[in-house]
Protein backbone atom coordinates (compact mmCIF):
# COMPACT_ATOMS: atom_id res chain seq x y z
CA MET A 1 62.48 49.03 32.10
CA ALA A 2 59.45 50.76 33.67
CA ASP A 3 56.07 51.04 31.97
CA LYS A 4 55.42 54.37 30.35
CA ILE A 5 52.57 56.01 32.30
CA ARG A 6 51.91 59.67 31.78
CA GLU A 7 50.85 61.97 34.58
CA ASP A 8 47.24 61.89 33.31
CA GLY A 9 47.11 58.09 33.70
CA VAL A 10 47.48 57.13 30.03
CA VAL A 11 49.68 54.10 29.39
CA SER A 12 51.84 54.06 26.26
CA ALA A 13 51.62 51.27 23.69
CA GLU A 14 54.96 49.98 24.94
CA GLY A 15 53.58 49.71 28.48
CA VAL A 16 50.44 47.93 27.30
CA ALA A 17 52.41 45.46 25.17
CA ARG A 18 54.60 44.49 28.11
CA ALA A 19 51.83 44.47 30.70
CA GLY A 20 50.92 40.82 30.09
CA THR A 21 54.48 39.53 29.99
CA ARG A 22 55.37 39.98 33.64
CA THR A 23 53.83 40.57 37.03
CA PRO A 24 54.38 44.16 38.14
CA LYS A 25 55.96 44.77 41.51
CA PRO A 26 53.37 45.73 44.15
CA GLN A 27 54.82 49.23 44.43
CA THR A 28 54.67 49.72 40.64
CA HIS A 29 51.13 48.34 40.57
CA ARG A 30 50.02 50.83 43.23
CA ALA A 31 51.61 53.67 41.28
CA GLN A 32 49.77 52.55 38.14
CA GLN A 33 46.48 52.32 40.01
CA LYS A 34 47.00 55.80 41.45
CA ALA A 35 47.79 57.22 38.01
CA ILE A 36 44.68 55.59 36.51
CA THR A 37 42.49 56.83 39.38
CA GLN A 38 43.81 60.38 39.04
CA GLY A 39 43.24 60.33 35.28
CA LEU A 40 39.67 59.08 35.66
CA ARG A 41 38.86 61.65 38.34
CA LYS A 42 40.25 64.44 36.19
CA PHE A 43 38.18 63.26 33.21
CA PHE A 44 34.94 62.88 35.18
CA ASP A 45 35.42 66.21 36.99
CA THR A 46 35.69 67.89 33.59
CA VAL A 47 32.51 66.20 32.33
CA ALA A 48 30.60 66.95 35.53
CA SER A 49 31.45 70.66 35.33
CA GLU A 50 30.07 71.03 31.80
CA PRO A 51 26.64 72.66 31.47
CA VAL A 52 23.62 70.47 30.70
CA PRO A 53 22.59 70.90 27.04
CA ASP A 54 19.29 72.75 26.45
CA GLU A 55 17.83 69.77 24.57
CA PHE A 56 18.46 67.49 27.52
CA MET A 57 16.95 69.99 29.98
CA ALA A 58 13.84 70.28 27.78
CA LEU A 59 13.51 66.49 27.75
CA LEU A 60 13.82 66.31 31.54
CA GLN A 61 11.19 69.03 31.96
CA LYS A 62 8.87 67.16 29.59
CA ILE A 63 9.32 63.96 31.61
CA ASP A 64 8.72 65.83 34.89
CA GLY A 65 5.51 67.31 33.43
CA LYS A 66 4.21 63.85 32.59
CA LYS A 67 4.95 62.61 36.10
CA GLU A 68 3.04 65.54 37.67
CA SER A 69 0.00 64.96 35.46
CA ASP A 70 -0.01 61.23 36.34
CA ALA A 71 -0.15 61.96 40.10
């Protein structure tokens, strides 16, 4: 029985429970790694495309102002 890995890289509870009971075949392991990598990239791409919050930008500008006055 194959581990349950969704297209977005999430492993089902059944897959996690069985993961420690046997050594996956190299081909299965590569498929799992690819699914995990794709899921992580999709997640981080989503985060990276979000706008920077105004509060964070104000903090960065405040820090930059202190650096300029120290120079």
